[in-house]
N, C-alpha and C. Protein backbone atom coordinates (compact mmCIF):
# COMPACT_ATOMS: atom_id res chain seq x y z
N MET A 1 11.23 2.21 -12.13
CA MET A 1 11.19 1.80 -10.64
C MET A 1 11.36 0.16 -10.51
N THR A 2 12.44 0.13 -9.42
CA THR A 2 12.73 -1.04 -9.11
C THR A 2 11.68 -2.01 -8.33
N ASP A 3 11.55 -3.25 -8.61
CA ASP A 3 10.64 -4.19 -8.01
C ASP A 3 11.04 -4.46 -6.57
N HIS A 4 10.08 -4.46 -5.90
CA HIS A 4 10.16 -4.94 -4.29
C HIS A 4 10.08 -6.33 -4.48
N TYR A 5 10.86 -7.00 -3.38
CA TYR A 5 10.68 -8.63 -3.56
C TYR A 5 9.27 -9.00 -3.08
N TYR A 6 8.29 -8.03 -2.79
CA TYR A 6 6.84 -8.44 -2.24
C TYR A 6 6.07 -8.32 -3.33
N THR A 7 6.43 -7.88 -4.54
CA THR A 7 5.66 -7.67 -5.65
C THR A 7 5.09 -9.02 -6.29
N SER A 8 4.07 -9.24 -6.68
CA SER A 8 3.41 -10.72 -6.89
C SER A 8 4.27 -10.94 -8.33
N GLU A 9 4.25 -10.14 -9.20
CA GLU A 9 4.87 -10.63 -10.72
C GLU A 9 6.12 -9.70 -10.68
N PRO A 10 7.18 -10.02 -10.55
CA PRO A 10 8.26 -9.08 -10.64
C PRO A 10 8.69 -8.95 -12.14
N ALA A 11 8.71 -7.49 -12.63
CA ALA A 11 9.16 -7.08 -13.90
C ALA A 11 10.49 -7.16 -14.41
N SER A 12 11.34 -7.31 -13.18
CA SER A 12 13.02 -7.42 -13.31
C SER A 12 13.30 -8.31 -14.46
N GLU A 13 14.23 -8.00 -15.20
CA GLU A 13 14.90 -9.13 -15.91
C GLU A 13 15.43 -10.08 -15.12
N HIS A 14 15.53 -11.48 -15.56
CA HIS A 14 16.06 -12.45 -14.91
C HIS A 14 17.48 -12.35 -14.77
N HIS A 15 17.97 -12.72 -13.58
CA HIS A 15 19.49 -12.74 -13.63
C HIS A 15 19.64 -13.77 -12.43
N GLU A 16 19.70 -14.91 -12.95
CA GLU A 16 19.96 -16.25 -11.85
C GLU A 16 21.37 -16.35 -11.49
N GLN A 17 21.40 -16.74 -10.16
CA GLN A 17 22.80 -16.98 -9.90
C GLN A 17 22.54 -18.28 -8.58
N SER A 18 23.77 -18.47 -8.35
CA SER A 18 23.71 -19.76 -7.35
C SER A 18 24.50 -19.27 -6.00
N ILE A 19 23.90 -19.99 -4.92
CA ILE A 19 24.54 -19.65 -3.88
C ILE A 19 24.80 -21.09 -3.04
N LYS A 20 25.87 -21.32 -2.61
CA LYS A 20 26.20 -22.54 -1.80
C LYS A 20 26.76 -22.10 -0.33
N THR A 21 26.22 -22.60 0.61
CA THR A 21 26.44 -22.44 2.20
C THR A 21 26.05 -23.36 2.88
N MET A 22 26.38 -23.16 4.27
CA MET A 22 26.21 -24.05 5.34
C MET A 22 25.07 -23.56 6.39
N LEU A 23 23.93 -24.46 6.42
CA LEU A 23 23.08 -23.87 7.60
C LEU A 23 22.70 -24.98 8.38
N ARG A 24 22.87 -24.91 9.65
CA ARG A 24 22.63 -25.76 10.49
C ARG A 24 23.39 -27.19 10.50
N GLY A 25 24.61 -26.71 9.86
CA GLY A 25 25.78 -27.75 9.61
C GLY A 25 25.20 -28.73 8.35
N MET A 26 24.47 -28.07 7.69
CA MET A 26 24.01 -28.80 6.33
C MET A 26 24.33 -27.94 5.13
N GLU A 27 25.27 -28.62 4.25
CA GLU A 27 25.51 -27.84 2.86
C GLU A 27 24.42 -27.78 2.01
N MET A 28 24.16 -26.48 1.74
CA MET A 28 22.97 -26.50 0.91
C MET A 28 23.30 -25.44 -0.27
N SER A 29 22.50 -25.69 -1.29
CA SER A 29 22.55 -24.86 -2.55
C SER A 29 21.17 -24.16 -2.93
N PHE A 30 21.34 -22.98 -3.38
CA PHE A 30 20.16 -22.24 -3.71
C PHE A 30 20.49 -21.44 -5.04
N THR A 31 19.37 -21.46 -6.00
CA THR A 31 19.27 -20.65 -7.05
C THR A 31 18.46 -19.30 -6.65
N THR A 32 18.94 -18.05 -7.03
CA THR A 32 18.09 -16.93 -6.59
C THR A 32 18.12 -16.19 -8.14
N ASP A 33 17.30 -15.02 -8.00
CA ASP A 33 17.20 -14.45 -9.35
C ASP A 33 16.86 -12.69 -8.94
N ALA A 34 16.85 -11.85 -9.83
CA ALA A 34 16.33 -10.63 -9.74
C ALA A 34 14.86 -10.56 -9.05
N GLY A 35 14.51 -9.71 -8.37
CA GLY A 35 13.34 -9.61 -7.96
C GLY A 35 12.71 -10.31 -6.91
N VAL A 36 13.77 -10.87 -6.13
CA VAL A 36 13.61 -11.57 -4.76
C VAL A 36 14.44 -11.06 -3.70
N PHE A 37 14.02 -11.36 -2.47
CA PHE A 37 14.73 -10.83 -1.32
C PHE A 37 16.16 -11.40 -1.27
N SER A 38 17.13 -10.53 -0.94
CA SER A 38 18.27 -11.19 -0.81
C SER A 38 18.82 -12.18 -1.63
N ARG A 39 18.95 -11.75 -2.75
CA ARG A 39 19.23 -12.48 -4.03
C ARG A 39 20.86 -13.12 -3.92
N ASP A 40 21.64 -12.17 -3.36
CA ASP A 40 23.03 -12.38 -3.44
C ASP A 40 23.53 -13.42 -2.34
N TYR A 41 22.91 -13.38 -1.22
CA TYR A 41 23.59 -14.49 -0.20
C TYR A 41 22.37 -14.51 0.85
N ILE A 42 22.44 -15.59 1.84
CA ILE A 42 21.62 -15.69 2.79
C ILE A 42 21.70 -14.38 3.70
N ASP A 43 20.79 -13.63 3.73
CA ASP A 43 20.90 -12.58 4.82
C ASP A 43 21.14 -13.03 6.24
N PHE A 44 21.65 -12.01 7.03
CA PHE A 44 21.96 -12.60 8.60
C PHE A 44 20.88 -13.02 9.26
N GLY A 45 19.64 -12.02 9.06
CA GLY A 45 18.43 -12.54 10.08
C GLY A 45 17.72 -13.73 9.63
N THR A 46 17.86 -14.12 8.38
CA THR A 46 17.31 -15.42 7.74
C THR A 46 18.30 -16.63 8.49
N ARG A 47 19.55 -16.28 8.29
CA ARG A 47 20.54 -17.36 8.78
C ARG A 47 20.23 -17.51 10.34
N LEU A 48 20.15 -16.37 11.13
CA LEU A 48 19.98 -16.45 12.52
C LEU A 48 18.76 -17.14 13.18
N LEU A 49 17.71 -16.95 12.24
CA LEU A 49 16.37 -17.72 12.46
C LEU A 49 16.65 -19.31 12.18
N ILE A 50 17.15 -19.63 11.05
CA ILE A 50 17.43 -20.99 10.70
C ILE A 50 18.39 -21.61 11.95
N GLU A 51 19.25 -20.98 12.44
CA GLU A 51 20.24 -21.40 13.25
C GLU A 51 19.56 -21.62 14.70
N THR A 52 18.26 -20.91 15.02
CA THR A 52 17.58 -20.76 16.24
C THR A 52 16.46 -21.65 16.41
N MET A 53 15.86 -21.76 15.44
CA MET A 53 14.37 -22.39 15.26
C MET A 53 14.44 -23.73 15.89
N GLU A 54 13.52 -24.32 16.60
CA GLU A 54 13.31 -25.50 17.37
C GLU A 54 12.01 -25.98 17.18
N PHE A 55 11.80 -27.30 16.84
CA PHE A 55 10.35 -27.98 16.56
C PHE A 55 10.42 -29.31 17.37
N PRO A 56 9.23 -29.70 17.64
CA PRO A 56 8.89 -30.98 18.00
C PRO A 56 9.04 -32.02 16.77
N PRO A 57 9.41 -33.35 17.08
CA PRO A 57 9.50 -34.27 15.97
C PRO A 57 8.51 -34.29 15.03
N GLY A 58 8.60 -34.21 13.80
CA GLY A 58 7.57 -34.48 12.78
C GLY A 58 6.80 -33.29 12.85
N ALA A 59 7.03 -31.89 13.25
CA ALA A 59 6.17 -31.04 13.11
C ALA A 59 5.72 -30.57 11.95
N LYS A 60 4.51 -29.77 12.02
CA LYS A 60 3.90 -29.29 10.74
C LYS A 60 4.03 -27.98 10.87
N ILE A 61 4.83 -27.35 9.78
CA ILE A 61 5.44 -25.91 9.91
C ILE A 61 5.12 -25.08 8.68
N LEU A 62 4.74 -23.67 8.75
CA LEU A 62 4.46 -22.82 7.83
C LEU A 62 5.57 -21.82 7.72
N ASP A 63 5.96 -21.63 6.47
CA ASP A 63 6.86 -20.47 6.24
C ASP A 63 6.26 -19.56 5.37
N VAL A 64 6.19 -18.45 5.99
CA VAL A 64 5.18 -17.28 5.45
C VAL A 64 6.39 -16.23 4.90
N GLY A 65 6.14 -15.90 3.53
CA GLY A 65 7.06 -15.03 2.91
C GLY A 65 8.54 -15.89 2.67
N CYS A 66 8.40 -17.12 2.20
CA CYS A 66 9.42 -17.94 2.15
C CYS A 66 10.56 -17.44 1.25
N GLY A 67 10.28 -16.60 0.15
CA GLY A 67 11.41 -16.09 -0.67
C GLY A 67 11.84 -17.32 -1.66
N TYR A 68 13.12 -17.47 -2.15
CA TYR A 68 13.44 -18.70 -2.53
C TYR A 68 13.59 -19.86 -1.77
N GLY A 69 13.36 -20.07 -0.60
CA GLY A 69 13.26 -20.89 0.24
C GLY A 69 14.20 -21.57 1.29
N PRO A 70 14.94 -20.77 1.73
CA PRO A 70 16.30 -21.20 2.79
C PRO A 70 15.56 -21.64 4.10
N ILE A 71 14.49 -20.87 4.80
CA ILE A 71 13.87 -21.11 6.07
C ILE A 71 13.08 -22.34 5.69
N GLY A 72 12.29 -22.58 5.14
CA GLY A 72 11.51 -23.56 4.92
C GLY A 72 12.27 -25.02 4.32
N ILE A 73 13.28 -24.67 3.62
CA ILE A 73 13.86 -25.93 3.28
C ILE A 73 14.70 -26.48 4.06
N ALA A 74 15.44 -25.53 5.11
CA ALA A 74 16.31 -26.04 6.11
C ALA A 74 15.34 -26.74 7.06
N ALA A 75 14.10 -26.20 7.69
CA ALA A 75 13.32 -26.68 8.51
C ALA A 75 12.84 -28.32 8.09
N ALA A 76 12.63 -28.40 6.71
CA ALA A 76 12.36 -29.58 6.38
C ALA A 76 13.39 -30.49 6.16
N LYS A 77 14.80 -30.23 5.90
CA LYS A 77 15.79 -30.99 5.74
C LYS A 77 16.32 -31.33 7.27
N LEU A 78 15.90 -30.70 8.32
CA LEU A 78 16.25 -31.02 9.49
C LEU A 78 15.69 -32.28 10.07
N ASP A 79 14.54 -32.59 9.49
CA ASP A 79 13.87 -33.67 9.87
C ASP A 79 12.86 -34.32 8.76
N PRO A 80 13.11 -35.45 8.03
CA PRO A 80 12.30 -35.96 6.97
C PRO A 80 10.85 -36.18 7.55
N ASN A 81 10.39 -36.04 8.65
CA ASN A 81 9.26 -36.27 9.20
C ASN A 81 8.47 -34.90 9.21
N HIS A 82 9.25 -33.80 9.22
CA HIS A 82 8.50 -32.43 9.39
C HIS A 82 7.68 -32.50 7.94
N ARG A 83 6.65 -31.62 8.06
CA ARG A 83 5.71 -31.31 6.91
C ARG A 83 5.63 -29.75 6.85
N VAL A 84 6.14 -29.41 5.69
CA VAL A 84 6.40 -27.84 5.90
C VAL A 84 5.62 -27.37 4.32
N THR A 85 5.17 -26.26 4.82
CA THR A 85 4.23 -25.67 3.62
C THR A 85 5.00 -24.28 3.69
N MET A 86 5.23 -23.81 2.31
CA MET A 86 6.01 -22.59 2.04
C MET A 86 5.14 -21.70 1.22
N ILE A 87 5.05 -20.37 1.85
CA ILE A 87 4.03 -19.49 0.76
C ILE A 87 4.59 -18.16 0.79
N ASP A 88 4.57 -17.52 -0.35
CA ASP A 88 5.06 -16.25 -0.89
C ASP A 88 3.91 -15.58 -2.04
N VAL A 89 4.06 -14.34 -2.00
CA VAL A 89 2.97 -13.62 -2.80
C VAL A 89 3.91 -13.40 -4.22
N ASN A 90 5.23 -13.48 -4.25
CA ASN A 90 6.02 -13.21 -5.28
C ASN A 90 6.25 -14.58 -5.95
N GLN A 91 5.67 -14.60 -7.64
CA GLN A 91 5.58 -15.98 -7.96
C GLN A 91 6.87 -16.37 -8.53
N ARG A 92 7.98 -15.54 -8.63
CA ARG A 92 9.13 -16.08 -9.13
C ARG A 92 9.91 -16.40 -7.80
N ALA A 93 9.67 -16.26 -6.61
CA ALA A 93 10.02 -16.77 -5.60
C ALA A 93 9.75 -18.00 -5.23
N VAL A 94 8.46 -18.20 -5.61
CA VAL A 94 7.85 -19.68 -5.12
C VAL A 94 8.17 -20.43 -6.38
N GLU A 95 8.47 -20.11 -7.40
CA GLU A 95 9.01 -21.05 -8.51
C GLU A 95 10.62 -21.23 -8.16
N LEU A 96 11.40 -20.43 -7.61
CA LEU A 96 12.62 -20.88 -7.09
C LEU A 96 12.60 -21.75 -6.06
N ALA A 97 11.84 -21.36 -5.00
CA ALA A 97 11.68 -22.35 -3.88
C ALA A 97 11.36 -23.63 -4.24
N GLU A 98 10.39 -23.89 -5.26
CA GLU A 98 10.22 -25.34 -5.53
C GLU A 98 11.29 -25.99 -5.94
N ARG A 99 12.13 -25.30 -7.06
CA ARG A 99 13.34 -25.74 -7.85
C ARG A 99 14.37 -26.03 -6.46
N ASN A 100 14.55 -25.19 -5.64
CA ASN A 100 15.48 -25.46 -4.46
C ASN A 100 15.31 -26.55 -3.64
N ALA A 101 13.94 -26.64 -3.27
CA ALA A 101 13.66 -27.85 -2.59
C ALA A 101 14.20 -29.15 -3.20
N LEU A 102 13.97 -29.19 -4.54
CA LEU A 102 14.30 -30.38 -5.21
C LEU A 102 15.93 -30.54 -5.57
N MET A 103 16.37 -29.26 -5.56
CA MET A 103 17.90 -29.50 -5.59
C MET A 103 18.61 -29.72 -4.48
N ASN A 104 17.95 -29.48 -3.20
CA ASN A 104 18.27 -29.98 -1.88
C ASN A 104 17.93 -31.43 -1.57
N ASP A 105 17.22 -31.97 -2.22
CA ASP A 105 16.64 -33.35 -2.06
C ASP A 105 15.71 -33.29 -1.00
N VAL A 106 15.01 -32.14 -0.86
CA VAL A 106 13.70 -32.11 0.04
C VAL A 106 12.59 -32.58 -0.49
N ARG A 107 11.87 -33.45 -0.10
CA ARG A 107 10.72 -33.89 -0.65
C ARG A 107 9.31 -33.60 0.33
N ASN A 108 9.43 -33.14 1.66
CA ASN A 108 8.55 -33.12 2.36
C ASN A 108 8.20 -31.40 2.60
N VAL A 109 8.07 -30.87 1.45
CA VAL A 109 7.49 -29.55 1.36
C VAL A 109 6.68 -29.42 0.38
N ARG A 110 5.67 -28.21 0.24
CA ARG A 110 4.79 -27.79 -0.80
C ARG A 110 5.20 -26.25 -0.69
N VAL A 111 4.87 -25.84 -1.79
CA VAL A 111 5.07 -24.30 -2.05
C VAL A 111 3.88 -23.70 -2.56
N LEU A 112 3.23 -22.87 -2.21
CA LEU A 112 2.20 -22.40 -2.64
C LEU A 112 2.15 -20.65 -2.96
N ILE A 113 1.82 -20.03 -4.08
CA ILE A 113 1.56 -18.88 -3.96
C ILE A 113 0.47 -18.17 -3.24
N SER A 114 0.48 -17.30 -2.39
CA SER A 114 -0.52 -17.00 -1.44
C SER A 114 -0.13 -15.42 -1.04
N ASP A 115 -1.21 -14.65 -0.96
CA ASP A 115 -1.10 -13.22 -0.58
C ASP A 115 -1.25 -13.29 0.96
N LEU A 116 -0.39 -13.19 1.71
CA LEU A 116 -0.70 -13.51 3.17
C LEU A 116 -1.11 -14.94 3.41
N TYR A 117 -2.24 -15.22 4.20
CA TYR A 117 -2.57 -16.57 4.40
C TYR A 117 -3.81 -16.95 3.31
N GLU A 118 -3.81 -16.32 2.44
CA GLU A 118 -5.16 -16.64 1.54
C GLU A 118 -5.06 -18.25 1.13
N ALA A 119 -4.11 -18.99 0.55
CA ALA A 119 -3.90 -20.15 0.23
C ALA A 119 -3.87 -21.17 1.09
N VAL A 120 -3.68 -20.78 2.42
CA VAL A 120 -3.43 -21.76 3.44
C VAL A 120 -4.98 -22.34 3.98
N GLU A 121 -5.16 -23.58 3.98
CA GLU A 121 -6.27 -24.02 4.51
C GLU A 121 -6.48 -24.77 6.17
N GLU A 122 -5.38 -25.61 6.45
CA GLU A 122 -5.06 -26.22 7.58
C GLU A 122 -4.81 -25.08 8.84
N ARG A 123 -5.50 -25.40 9.78
CA ARG A 123 -5.03 -24.59 10.96
C ARG A 123 -4.77 -25.29 12.18
N ASP A 124 -3.86 -26.08 11.93
CA ASP A 124 -3.19 -26.99 12.95
C ASP A 124 -1.49 -26.88 12.99
N TYR A 125 -1.02 -26.02 12.69
CA TYR A 125 0.62 -26.14 12.48
C TYR A 125 1.20 -25.85 13.74
N ASP A 126 2.40 -26.60 14.01
CA ASP A 126 2.96 -26.72 15.13
C ASP A 126 3.80 -25.20 15.14
N ALA A 127 4.07 -24.75 14.23
CA ALA A 127 5.23 -23.55 13.98
C ALA A 127 4.94 -22.66 12.47
N VAL A 128 4.85 -21.39 12.93
CA VAL A 128 4.79 -20.61 11.90
C VAL A 128 6.21 -19.66 11.70
N LEU A 129 6.78 -19.85 10.78
CA LEU A 129 8.27 -18.95 10.66
C LEU A 129 8.11 -17.65 9.73
N THR A 130 8.71 -16.74 10.26
CA THR A 130 8.71 -15.56 9.46
C THR A 130 9.89 -14.61 9.54
N ASN A 131 10.58 -14.45 8.35
CA ASN A 131 11.40 -13.02 8.22
C ASN A 131 10.50 -12.13 7.69
N PRO A 132 9.76 -11.30 8.32
CA PRO A 132 8.55 -10.51 7.52
C PRO A 132 8.98 -9.44 6.73
N PRO A 133 8.34 -9.21 5.73
CA PRO A 133 8.87 -8.27 4.63
C PRO A 133 8.47 -6.73 5.25
N ILE A 134 9.68 -6.23 5.58
CA ILE A 134 9.62 -5.09 6.49
C ILE A 134 9.46 -3.77 5.52
N ARG A 135 9.62 -3.81 4.32
CA ARG A 135 9.59 -2.90 3.31
C ARG A 135 8.05 -2.75 2.95
N ALA A 136 7.26 -4.01 3.11
CA ALA A 136 5.93 -3.83 2.88
C ALA A 136 5.13 -3.15 3.77
N GLY A 137 5.61 -2.64 4.66
CA GLY A 137 4.96 -1.79 5.94
C GLY A 137 4.45 -2.48 7.25
N LYS A 138 4.35 -1.78 8.02
CA LYS A 138 3.93 -2.33 9.59
C LYS A 138 2.63 -2.98 9.32
N GLN A 139 1.57 -2.58 8.52
CA GLN A 139 0.26 -3.15 8.46
C GLN A 139 0.38 -4.74 7.93
N THR A 140 1.48 -4.74 7.07
CA THR A 140 1.50 -6.03 6.57
C THR A 140 2.14 -7.06 7.40
N VAL A 141 3.21 -6.42 8.16
CA VAL A 141 3.89 -7.35 9.05
C VAL A 141 3.12 -7.65 10.27
N HIS A 142 2.09 -6.59 10.62
CA HIS A 142 1.20 -6.92 11.74
C HIS A 142 0.18 -8.14 11.29
N ALA A 143 -0.09 -8.02 10.20
CA ALA A 143 -1.12 -8.86 9.47
C ALA A 143 -0.62 -10.34 9.80
N ILE A 144 0.68 -10.56 9.23
CA ILE A 144 1.52 -11.73 9.41
C ILE A 144 1.57 -12.37 10.92
N PHE A 145 1.62 -11.27 12.13
CA PHE A 145 1.69 -11.64 13.43
C PHE A 145 0.11 -12.27 13.75
N ASN A 146 -0.72 -11.38 13.28
CA ASN A 146 -2.16 -11.70 13.75
C ASN A 146 -2.75 -12.92 12.98
N GLY A 147 -2.46 -13.12 11.84
CA GLY A 147 -2.93 -14.07 11.18
C GLY A 147 -2.53 -15.61 11.34
N ALA A 148 -1.21 -15.40 11.94
CA ALA A 148 -0.28 -16.64 12.26
C ALA A 148 -1.20 -17.53 13.49
N ARG A 149 -2.01 -16.57 14.22
CA ARG A 149 -2.69 -17.13 15.54
C ARG A 149 -3.81 -18.33 14.95
N GLU A 150 -4.24 -17.60 13.89
CA GLU A 150 -5.28 -18.42 13.21
C GLU A 150 -5.01 -19.87 12.63
N TYR A 151 -3.71 -19.88 12.40
CA TYR A 151 -3.36 -21.09 11.55
C TYR A 151 -2.37 -22.13 12.58
N LEU A 152 -2.08 -21.60 13.70
CA LEU A 152 -1.26 -22.45 15.00
C LEU A 152 -2.21 -23.44 15.70
N LYS A 153 -2.00 -24.49 15.91
CA LYS A 153 -2.60 -25.09 17.03
C LYS A 153 -2.46 -24.66 18.43
N GLU A 154 -3.16 -25.08 19.23
CA GLU A 154 -3.05 -24.63 20.68
C GLU A 154 -1.66 -25.16 21.05
N GLY A 155 -0.69 -24.28 21.70
CA GLY A 155 0.86 -24.85 21.89
C GLY A 155 1.71 -24.39 20.94
N GLY A 156 1.05 -24.06 19.82
CA GLY A 156 2.10 -23.89 18.71
C GLY A 156 2.65 -22.38 18.66
N SER A 157 3.97 -22.27 18.14
CA SER A 157 4.57 -21.17 18.09
C SER A 157 5.01 -20.25 16.75
N LEU A 158 4.83 -18.97 16.66
CA LEU A 158 5.34 -18.02 15.74
C LEU A 158 6.78 -17.61 15.98
N TRP A 159 7.46 -17.91 15.02
CA TRP A 159 9.05 -17.70 15.13
C TRP A 159 9.17 -16.41 14.28
N VAL A 160 9.73 -15.33 14.84
CA VAL A 160 10.07 -13.96 14.06
C VAL A 160 11.33 -13.47 14.05
N VAL A 161 12.02 -13.18 13.20
CA VAL A 161 13.44 -12.50 13.02
C VAL A 161 13.18 -11.07 12.61
N ILE A 162 13.66 -9.89 13.46
CA ILE A 162 13.26 -8.64 13.16
C ILE A 162 14.41 -7.83 13.48
N GLN A 163 14.97 -6.91 12.78
CA GLN A 163 16.16 -5.85 13.21
C GLN A 163 15.38 -5.12 14.41
N LYS A 164 16.49 -4.52 15.22
CA LYS A 164 16.02 -3.58 16.18
C LYS A 164 15.80 -2.40 15.72
N LYS A 165 16.55 -1.88 14.76
CA LYS A 165 16.33 -0.51 13.98
C LYS A 165 14.99 -0.68 13.08
N GLN A 166 14.63 -1.74 12.76
CA GLN A 166 13.60 -1.88 11.94
C GLN A 166 12.32 -2.26 12.50
N GLY A 167 12.14 -1.91 13.86
CA GLY A 167 10.93 -2.05 14.58
C GLY A 167 10.86 -3.20 15.51
N ALA A 168 11.99 -3.82 16.05
CA ALA A 168 11.76 -5.06 16.83
C ALA A 168 11.13 -4.67 18.28
N PRO A 169 11.38 -3.58 18.89
CA PRO A 169 10.58 -3.17 20.25
C PRO A 169 8.95 -3.22 19.90
N SER A 170 8.71 -2.64 18.86
CA SER A 170 7.16 -2.43 18.62
C SER A 170 6.46 -3.79 18.11
N ALA A 171 7.55 -4.41 17.45
CA ALA A 171 6.83 -5.78 17.14
C ALA A 171 6.93 -6.80 18.35
N PHE A 172 7.73 -6.76 19.28
CA PHE A 172 7.64 -7.43 20.43
C PHE A 172 6.27 -7.20 21.20
N LYS A 173 5.97 -5.68 21.36
CA LYS A 173 4.97 -5.30 21.94
C LYS A 173 3.50 -5.82 21.13
N LYS A 174 3.62 -5.56 19.86
CA LYS A 174 2.52 -6.19 19.11
C LYS A 174 2.08 -7.54 19.40
N LEU A 175 3.48 -8.50 19.32
CA LEU A 175 3.11 -9.78 19.69
C LEU A 175 2.70 -10.11 21.09
N GLN A 176 2.85 -9.16 22.01
CA GLN A 176 2.30 -9.38 23.42
C GLN A 176 0.90 -9.11 23.51
N GLU A 177 0.14 -8.39 22.57
CA GLU A 177 -1.17 -7.97 22.52
C GLU A 177 -1.81 -9.45 21.90
N LEU A 178 -1.10 -9.89 21.24
CA LEU A 178 -1.85 -11.12 20.44
C LEU A 178 -1.54 -12.73 21.00
N TYR A 179 -0.45 -12.57 21.64
CA TYR A 179 -0.01 -14.12 22.28
C TYR A 179 -0.07 -13.88 23.64
N GLU A 180 -0.16 -15.45 24.25
CA GLU A 180 -0.06 -15.38 25.75
C GLU A 180 1.33 -15.36 26.23
N VAL A 181 2.27 -16.08 25.66
CA VAL A 181 3.63 -16.07 25.67
C VAL A 181 4.37 -15.48 24.82
N VAL A 182 5.47 -14.37 24.95
CA VAL A 182 6.25 -13.90 24.05
C VAL A 182 7.62 -14.00 24.47
N GLU A 183 8.66 -14.60 23.82
CA GLU A 183 10.13 -14.53 24.61
C GLU A 183 11.14 -14.02 23.37
N GLU A 184 12.06 -13.47 23.80
CA GLU A 184 13.12 -13.17 23.02
C GLU A 184 14.17 -14.15 23.29
N ILE A 185 14.20 -15.09 21.97
CA ILE A 185 14.98 -16.28 22.20
C ILE A 185 16.65 -16.08 22.00
N THR A 186 17.06 -15.15 21.12
CA THR A 186 18.17 -14.57 20.98
C THR A 186 18.58 -13.33 20.49
N LYS A 187 19.69 -12.83 20.31
CA LYS A 187 19.87 -11.60 19.58
C LYS A 187 21.25 -11.63 19.18
N ASP A 188 21.46 -10.90 17.96
CA ASP A 188 22.72 -10.94 17.38
C ASP A 188 22.96 -9.85 16.41
N LYS A 189 24.01 -8.89 16.73
CA LYS A 189 24.27 -8.03 15.48
C LYS A 189 22.87 -7.05 15.26
N GLY A 190 22.16 -6.92 16.44
CA GLY A 190 21.03 -5.97 16.05
C GLY A 190 19.75 -6.70 15.81
N TYR A 191 19.75 -7.96 15.60
CA TYR A 191 18.78 -8.76 15.16
C TYR A 191 18.12 -9.34 16.47
N ARG A 192 16.75 -9.65 16.58
CA ARG A 192 16.35 -10.41 17.36
C ARG A 192 15.25 -11.59 17.11
N ILE A 193 15.41 -12.74 17.75
CA ILE A 193 14.52 -13.72 17.47
C ILE A 193 13.41 -13.67 18.49
N PHE A 194 12.14 -13.68 18.08
CA PHE A 194 10.85 -13.74 18.99
C PHE A 194 10.48 -15.08 18.87
N ARG A 195 9.84 -15.64 20.04
CA ARG A 195 8.87 -16.79 19.65
C ARG A 195 7.57 -16.35 20.51
N ALA A 196 6.51 -16.19 19.97
CA ALA A 196 5.20 -16.05 20.52
C ALA A 196 4.34 -17.44 20.49
N THR A 197 3.95 -17.78 21.34
CA THR A 197 3.17 -19.11 21.69
C THR A 197 1.91 -19.08 21.90
N LYS A 198 0.95 -19.74 21.25
CA LYS A 198 -0.64 -19.80 21.38
C LYS A 198 -0.95 -20.92 22.50
N LYS A 199 -0.90 -20.17 23.69
CA LYS A 199 -1.44 -21.25 24.59
C LYS A 199 -2.78 -21.93 24.72
N ALA A 200 -3.12 -22.96 25.26
CA ALA A 200 -4.19 -23.63 25.09
C ALA A 200 -5.19 -22.83 26.04
N SER A 201 -6.54 -22.94 25.73
CA SER A 201 -7.47 -22.00 26.26
C SER A 201 -7.91 -22.76 27.61
N PRO A 202 -8.24 -22.13 28.74
CA PRO A 202 -8.44 -22.62 30.04
C PRO A 202 -9.64 -23.55 29.97
């Protein structure tokens, strides 16, 4: 049976390889391996989220399901004053993300093994970023949406990338149930970027 990338401890034999790419005008390199999401290239959804995401200066950012790290590392590299936490249930992915942060000379990150948000203690993030693990099922995806609200500060936003054919319309409706403001920021090649903002209580 083939490992899913959301497996805690992938059993696949290691097959490391290197990716060099441009993200937000920055030349970046990543080591990937078997048993992690999109090991052969930066997938289009991840790339679209990286090119679209926006933060206030010195933002506190949480990357949920970070994989080998492109989203969180790019967010950290955009501003050395950003403070980025990256989490994933996949131990192999977490180890790669730590290595990739160092390889890209990024020091303003920390990477944690975490099943959903269990390892996250702070609840004052400016932004939560996710390319959610669709194959893990709708229950897991909705748990990411719902949980993000608990870890965002008032005025903070959840950024989501999701394909239309993989449930973008239902994801948008779910976000509208949970957040005061939900916007489609951009769309390209069937992918949607949603920003759901937690507004301050009256």
